[in-house]
Amino acid sequence: MQTLTSEFVVDFQAWPALKQLAWNRRGRWIPAEEALAMYERNWRFVDVAALEPSERALIERLKARFGGA
């Protein structure tokens, strides 16, 4: 499964929580930095207990790459 392309683009259709957050978007690719912003802006809607380990790892990678101080 191609989930993160070159560290700059995410296939949001591959991640259940992100897919729910991006329900109104067309296509399947989103800039990685925008994906992190979407998680952060809408975190209250994410069922943290239901996150798969792979999606948690994606979020951590995004935070490490694009997160603030």
PDB file of N, CA and C in Angstrom:
ATOM      1  N   MET A   1       0.846  -1.176   0.000  1.00  0.00           N
ATOM      2  CA  MET A   1       0.000   0.000   0.000  1.00  0.00           C
ATOM      3  C   MET A   1       0.894   1.243   0.000  1.00  0.00           C
ATOM      4  N   GLN A   2       0.690   2.094  -0.968  1.00  0.00           N
ATOM      5  CA  GLN A   2       1.428   3.358  -1.050  1.00  0.00           C
ATOM      6  C   GLN A   2       0.698   4.364  -0.166  1.00  0.00           C
ATOM      7  N   THR A   3       1.321   4.789   0.915  1.00  0.00           N
ATOM      8  CA  THR A   3       0.625   5.652   1.857  1.00  0.00           C
ATOM      9  C   THR A   3       1.235   7.036   1.953  1.00  0.00           C
ATOM     10  N   LEU A   4       2.509   7.114   1.785  1.00  0.00           N
ATOM     11  CA  LEU A   4       3.203   8.386   1.851  1.00  0.00           C
ATOM     12  C   LEU A   4       4.141   8.412   0.662  1.00  0.00           C
ATOM     13  N   THR A   5       3.943   9.356  -0.227  1.00  0.00           N
ATOM     14  CA  THR A   5       4.757   9.431  -1.427  1.00  0.00           C
ATOM     15  C   THR A   5       5.791  10.513  -1.256  1.00  0.00           C
ATOM     16  N   SER A   6       7.021  10.164  -1.287  1.00  0.00           N
ATOM     17  CA  SER A   6       8.162  11.074  -1.211  1.00  0.00           C
ATOM     18  C   SER A   6       8.125  12.016  -0.016  1.00  0.00           C
ATOM     19  N   GLU A   7       7.421  11.670   1.032  1.00  0.00           N
ATOM     20  CA  GLU A   7       7.308  12.465   2.244  1.00  0.00           C
ATOM     21  C   GLU A   7       6.461  13.717   2.083  1.00  0.00           C
ATOM     22  N   PHE A   8       5.920  13.988   0.930  1.00  0.00           N
ATOM     23  CA  PHE A   8       5.204  15.236   0.717  1.00  0.00           C
ATOM     24  C   PHE A   8       3.734  15.060   0.347  1.00  0.00           C
ATOM     25  N   VAL A   9       3.328  13.843   0.008  1.00  0.00           N
ATOM     26  CA  VAL A   9       1.950  13.597  -0.400  1.00  0.00           C
ATOM     27  C   VAL A   9       1.430  12.346   0.315  1.00  0.00           C
ATOM     28  N   VAL A  10       0.190  12.420   0.794  1.00  0.00           N
ATOM     29  CA  VAL A  10      -0.433  11.296   1.496  1.00  0.00           C
ATOM     30  C   VAL A  10      -1.679  10.859   0.729  1.00  0.00           C
ATOM     31  N   ASP A  11      -1.844   9.568   0.602  1.00  0.00           N
ATOM     32  CA  ASP A  11      -3.058   8.994   0.035  1.00  0.00           C
ATOM     33  C   ASP A  11      -4.066   8.918   1.178  1.00  0.00           C
ATOM     34  N   PHE A  12      -4.914   9.935   1.309  1.00  0.00           N
ATOM     35  CA  PHE A  12      -5.796   9.982   2.472  1.00  0.00           C
ATOM     36  C   PHE A  12      -6.870   8.903   2.440  1.00  0.00           C
ATOM     37  N   GLN A  13      -7.107   8.298   1.291  1.00  0.00           N
ATOM     38  CA  GLN A  13      -8.077   7.205   1.209  1.00  0.00           C
ATOM     39  C   GLN A  13      -7.568   5.942   1.930  1.00  0.00           C
ATOM     40  N   ALA A  14      -6.269   5.881   2.180  1.00  0.00           N
ATOM     41  CA  ALA A  14      -5.673   4.700   2.804  1.00  0.00           C
ATOM     42  C   ALA A  14      -5.748   4.722   4.334  1.00  0.00           C
ATOM     43  N   TRP A  15      -6.144   5.844   4.912  1.00  0.00           N
ATOM     44  CA  TRP A  15      -6.137   6.007   6.364  1.00  0.00           C
ATOM     45  C   TRP A  15      -7.558   6.280   6.846  1.00  0.00           C
ATOM     46  N   PRO A  16      -8.149   5.377   7.614  1.00  0.00           N
ATOM     47  CA  PRO A  16      -9.559   5.514   8.009  1.00  0.00           C
ATOM     48  C   PRO A  16      -9.913   6.841   8.697  1.00  0.00           C
ATOM     49  N   ALA A  17      -9.148   7.262   9.674  1.00  0.00           N
ATOM     50  CA  ALA A  17      -9.476   8.510  10.382  1.00  0.00           C
ATOM     51  C   ALA A  17      -9.305   9.714   9.462  1.00  0.00           C
ATOM     52  N   LEU A  18      -8.223   9.742   8.711  1.00  0.00           N
ATOM     53  CA  LEU A  18      -7.989  10.863   7.797  1.00  0.00           C
ATOM     54  C   LEU A  18      -9.053  10.888   6.704  1.00  0.00           C
ATOM     55  N   LYS A  19      -9.444   9.730   6.254  1.00  0.00           N
ATOM     56  CA  LYS A  19     -10.494   9.652   5.231  1.00  0.00           C
ATOM     57  C   LYS A  19     -11.794  10.262   5.750  1.00  0.00           C
ATOM     58  N   GLN A  20     -12.132   9.999   7.001  1.00  0.00           N
ATOM     59  CA  GLN A  20     -13.333  10.596   7.585  1.00  0.00           C
ATOM     60  C   GLN A  20     -13.197  12.109   7.698  1.00  0.00           C
ATOM     61  N   LEU A  21     -12.021  12.581   8.063  1.00  0.00           N
ATOM     62  CA  LEU A  21     -11.805  14.023   8.186  1.00  0.00           C
ATOM     63  C   LEU A  21     -11.866  14.715   6.835  1.00  0.00           C
ATOM     64  N   ALA A  22     -11.470  14.006   5.800  1.00  0.00           N
ATOM     65  CA  ALA A  22     -11.408  14.581   4.453  1.00  0.00           C
ATOM     66  C   ALA A  22     -12.596  14.122   3.602  1.00  0.00           C
ATOM     67  N   TRP A  23     -13.719  13.862   4.235  1.00  0.00           N
ATOM     68  CA  TRP A  23     -14.889  13.306   3.560  1.00  0.00           C
ATOM     69  C   TRP A  23     -15.358  14.141   2.364  1.00  0.00           C
ATOM     70  N   ASN A  24     -15.098  15.431   2.384  1.00  0.00           N
ATOM     71  CA  ASN A  24     -15.611  16.297   1.322  1.00  0.00           C
ATOM     72  C   ASN A  24     -14.587  16.591   0.228  1.00  0.00           C
ATOM     73  N   ARG A  25     -13.466  15.912   0.245  1.00  0.00           N
ATOM     74  CA  ARG A  25     -12.427  16.140  -0.763  1.00  0.00           C
ATOM     75  C   ARG A  25     -12.570  15.173  -1.923  1.00  0.00           C
ATOM     76  N   ARG A  26     -12.169  15.631  -3.072  1.00  0.00           N
ATOM     77  CA  ARG A  26     -12.137  14.775  -4.262  1.00  0.00           C
ATOM     78  C   ARG A  26     -10.748  14.184  -4.416  1.00  0.00           C
ATOM     79  N   GLY A  27     -10.637  13.181  -5.229  1.00  0.00           N
ATOM     80  CA  GLY A  27      -9.347  12.559  -5.466  1.00  0.00           C
ATOM     81  C   GLY A  27      -8.917  11.719  -4.288  1.00  0.00           C
ATOM     82  N   ARG A  28      -7.624  11.548  -4.159  1.00  0.00           N
ATOM     83  CA  ARG A  28      -7.134  10.735  -3.047  1.00  0.00           C
ATOM     84  C   ARG A  28      -5.821  11.226  -2.466  1.00  0.00           C
ATOM     85  N   TRP A  29      -5.219  12.231  -3.050  1.00  0.00           N
ATOM     86  CA  TRP A  29      -3.918  12.701  -2.591  1.00  0.00           C
ATOM     87  C   TRP A  29      -4.059  14.061  -1.911  1.00  0.00           C
ATOM     88  N   ILE A  30      -3.304  14.234  -0.844  1.00  0.00           N
ATOM     89  CA  ILE A  30      -3.322  15.478  -0.088  1.00  0.00           C
ATOM     90  C   ILE A  30      -1.881  15.799   0.308  1.00  0.00           C
ATOM     91  N   PRO A  31      -1.481  17.056   0.247  1.00  0.00           N
ATOM     92  CA  PRO A  31      -0.125  17.388   0.707  1.00  0.00           C
ATOM     93  C   PRO A  31       0.052  16.937   2.158  1.00  0.00           C
ATOM     94  N   ALA A  32       1.185  16.350   2.459  1.00  0.00           N
ATOM     95  CA  ALA A  32       1.437  15.784   3.786  1.00  0.00           C
ATOM     96  C   ALA A  32       1.292  16.827   4.889  1.00  0.00           C
ATOM     97  N   GLU A  33       1.777  18.023   4.658  1.00  0.00           N
ATOM     98  CA  GLU A  33       1.669  19.078   5.667  1.00  0.00           C
ATOM     99  C   GLU A  33       0.196  19.444   5.911  1.00  0.00           C
ATOM    100  N   GLU A  34      -0.591  19.418   4.875  1.00  0.00           N
ATOM    101  CA  GLU A  34      -2.028  19.682   4.999  1.00  0.00           C
ATOM    102  C   GLU A  34      -2.730  18.544   5.742  1.00  0.00           C
ATOM    103  N   ALA A  35      -2.268  17.321   5.534  1.00  0.00           N
ATOM    104  CA  ALA A  35      -2.833  16.180   6.256  1.00  0.00           C
ATOM    105  C   ALA A  35      -2.614  16.346   7.754  1.00  0.00           C
ATOM    106  N   LEU A  36      -1.412  16.749   8.139  1.00  0.00           N
ATOM    107  CA  LEU A  36      -1.135  16.985   9.562  1.00  0.00           C
ATOM    108  C   LEU A  36      -2.036  18.085  10.096  1.00  0.00           C
ATOM    109  N   ALA A  37      -2.169  19.167   9.353  1.00  0.00           N
ATOM    110  CA  ALA A  37      -3.033  20.269   9.788  1.00  0.00           C
ATOM    111  C   ALA A  37      -4.474  19.799   9.948  1.00  0.00           C
ATOM    112  N   MET A  38      -4.916  18.918   9.061  1.00  0.00           N
ATOM    113  CA  MET A  38      -6.278  18.397   9.138  1.00  0.00           C
ATOM    114  C   MET A  38      -6.460  17.557  10.405  1.00  0.00           C
ATOM    115  N   TYR A  39      -5.479  16.693  10.695  1.00  0.00           N
ATOM    116  CA  TYR A  39      -5.537  15.924  11.951  1.00  0.00           C
ATOM    117  C   TYR A  39      -5.587  16.877  13.137  1.00  0.00           C
ATOM    118  N   GLU A  40      -4.708  17.848  13.175  1.00  0.00           N
ATOM    119  CA  GLU A  40      -4.611  18.746  14.329  1.00  0.00           C
ATOM    120  C   GLU A  40      -5.883  19.580  14.506  1.00  0.00           C
ATOM    121  N   ARG A  41      -6.394  20.120  13.418  1.00  0.00           N
ATOM    122  CA  ARG A  41      -7.589  20.965  13.468  1.00  0.00           C
ATOM    123  C   ARG A  41      -8.824  20.195  13.917  1.00  0.00           C
ATOM    124  N   ASN A  42      -8.882  18.934  13.554  1.00  0.00           N
ATOM    125  CA  ASN A  42     -10.084  18.133  13.792  1.00  0.00           C
ATOM    126  C   ASN A  42      -9.862  16.993  14.780  1.00  0.00           C
ATOM    127  N   TRP A  43      -8.837  17.085  15.596  1.00  0.00           N
ATOM    128  CA  TRP A  43      -8.477  15.991  16.499  1.00  0.00           C
ATOM    129  C   TRP A  43      -9.643  15.556  17.376  1.00  0.00           C
ATOM    130  N   ARG A  44     -10.505  16.482  17.736  1.00  0.00           N
ATOM    131  CA  ARG A  44     -11.645  16.144  18.609  1.00  0.00           C
ATOM    132  C   ARG A  44     -12.609  15.150  17.954  1.00  0.00           C
ATOM    133  N   PHE A  45     -12.536  15.018  16.628  1.00  0.00           N
ATOM    134  CA  PHE A  45     -13.403  14.089  15.912  1.00  0.00           C
ATOM    135  C   PHE A  45     -12.747  12.724  15.672  1.00  0.00           C
ATOM    136  N   VAL A  46     -11.483  12.582  16.029  1.00  0.00           N
ATOM    137  CA  VAL A  46     -10.748  11.339  15.807  1.00  0.00           C
ATOM    138  C   VAL A  46     -10.981  10.400  16.985  1.00  0.00           C
ATOM    139  N   ASP A  47     -11.390   9.184  16.696  1.00  0.00           N
ATOM    140  CA  ASP A  47     -11.538   8.157  17.725  1.00  0.00           C
ATOM    141  C   ASP A  47     -10.155   7.569  17.976  1.00  0.00           C
ATOM    142  N   VAL A  48      -9.457   8.138  18.938  1.00  0.00           N
ATOM    143  CA  VAL A  48      -8.071   7.767  19.208  1.00  0.00           C
ATOM    144  C   VAL A  48      -7.948   6.279  19.547  1.00  0.00           C
ATOM    145  N   ALA A  49      -8.904   5.753  20.266  1.00  0.00           N
ATOM    146  CA  ALA A  49      -8.862   4.340  20.650  1.00  0.00           C
ATOM    147  C   ALA A  49      -8.969   3.420  19.434  1.00  0.00           C
ATOM    148  N   ALA A  50      -9.581   3.897  18.364  1.00  0.00           N
ATOM    149  CA  ALA A  50      -9.776   3.068  17.170  1.00  0.00           C
ATOM    150  C   ALA A  50      -8.666   3.242  16.135  1.00  0.00           C
ATOM    151  N   LEU A  51      -7.731   4.159  16.369  1.00  0.00           N
ATOM    152  CA  LEU A  51      -6.640   4.364  15.403  1.00  0.00           C
ATOM    153  C   LEU A  51      -5.795   3.104  15.283  1.00  0.00           C
ATOM    154  N   GLU A  52      -5.533   2.710  14.071  1.00  0.00           N
ATOM    155  CA  GLU A  52      -4.644   1.571  13.841  1.00  0.00           C
ATOM    156  C   GLU A  52      -3.211   2.013  14.107  1.00  0.00           C
ATOM    157  N   PRO A  53      -2.358   1.092  14.541  1.00  0.00           N
ATOM    158  CA  PRO A  53      -0.959   1.442  14.804  1.00  0.00           C
ATOM    159  C   PRO A  53      -0.281   2.104  13.600  1.00  0.00           C
ATOM    160  N   SER A  54      -0.614   1.667  12.402  1.00  0.00           N
ATOM    161  CA  SER A  54       0.018   2.244  11.214  1.00  0.00           C
ATOM    162  C   SER A  54      -0.399   3.708  11.023  1.00  0.00           C
ATOM    163  N   GLU A  55      -1.650   4.032  11.349  1.00  0.00           N
ATOM    164  CA  GLU A  55      -2.085   5.428  11.217  1.00  0.00           C
ATOM    165  C   GLU A  55      -1.477   6.279  12.324  1.00  0.00           C
ATOM    166  N   ARG A  56      -1.339   5.712  13.509  1.00  0.00           N
ATOM    167  CA  ARG A  56      -0.637   6.430  14.592  1.00  0.00           C
ATOM    168  C   ARG A  56       0.801   6.743  14.159  1.00  0.00           C
ATOM    169  N   ALA A  57       1.436   5.764  13.523  1.00  0.00           N
ATOM    170  CA  ALA A  57       2.816   5.958  13.054  1.00  0.00           C
ATOM    171  C   ALA A  57       2.874   7.040  11.974  1.00  0.00           C
ATOM    172  N   LEU A  58       1.875   7.071  11.095  1.00  0.00           N
ATOM    173  CA  LEU A  58       1.809   8.125  10.082  1.00  0.00           C
ATOM    174  C   LEU A  58       1.736   9.490  10.752  1.00  0.00           C
ATOM    175  N   ILE A  59       0.868   9.631  11.731  1.00  0.00           N
ATOM    176  CA  ILE A  59       0.718  10.906  12.426  1.00  0.00           C
ATOM    177  C   ILE A  59       2.032  11.311  13.084  1.00  0.00           C
ATOM    178  N   GLU A  60       2.710  10.363  13.699  1.00  0.00           N
ATOM    179  CA  GLU A  60       4.001  10.667  14.333  1.00  0.00           C
ATOM    180  C   GLU A  60       5.035  11.104  13.293  1.00  0.00           C
ATOM    181  N   ARG A  61       5.051  10.441  12.135  1.00  0.00           N
ATOM    182  CA  ARG A  61       5.988  10.841  11.073  1.00  0.00           C
ATOM    183  C   ARG A  61       5.666  12.247  10.570  1.00  0.00           C
ATOM    184  N   LEU A  62       4.390  12.539  10.404  1.00  0.00           N
ATOM    185  CA  LEU A  62       3.988  13.866   9.960  1.00  0.00           C
ATOM    186  C   LEU A  62       4.369  14.921  10.981  1.00  0.00           C
ATOM    187  N   LYS A  63       4.159  14.617  12.258  1.00  0.00           N
ATOM    188  CA  LYS A  63       4.527  15.560  13.321  1.00  0.00           C
ATOM    189  C   LYS A  63       6.035  15.796  13.335  1.00  0.00           C
ATOM    190  N   ALA A  64       6.802  14.731  13.176  1.00  0.00           N
ATOM    191  CA  ALA A  64       8.259  14.873  13.184  1.00  0.00           C
ATOM    192  C   ALA A  64       8.732  15.706  12.001  1.00  0.00           C
ATOM    193  N   ARG A  65       8.071  15.554  10.865  1.00  0.00           N
ATOM    194  CA  ARG A  65       8.502  16.263   9.647  1.00  0.00           C
ATOM    195  C   ARG A  65       7.986  17.695   9.593  1.00  0.00           C
ATOM    196  N   PHE A  66       6.728  17.905   9.970  1.00  0.00           N
ATOM    197  CA  PHE A  66       6.084  19.201   9.757  1.00  0.00           C
ATOM    198  C   PHE A  66       5.624  19.887  11.031  1.00  0.00           C
ATOM    199  N   GLY A  67       5.716  19.198  12.165  1.00  0.00           N
ATOM    200  CA  GLY A  67       5.226  19.771  13.415  1.00  0.00           C
ATOM    201  C   GLY A  67       6.072  20.941  13.891  1.00  0.00           C
ATOM    202  N   GLY A  68       5.498  21.705  14.788  1.00  0.00           N
ATOM    203  CA  GLY A  68       6.206  22.853  15.351  1.00  0.00           C
ATOM    204  C   GLY A  68       7.297  22.413  16.318  1.00  0.00           C
ATOM    205  N   ALA A  69       7.898  23.373  16.925  1.00  0.00           N
ATOM    206  CA  ALA A  69       9.009  23.167  17.857  1.00  0.00           C
ATOM    207  C   ALA A  69       8.717  22.024  18.749  1.00  0.00           C
TER     208      ALA A  69
END
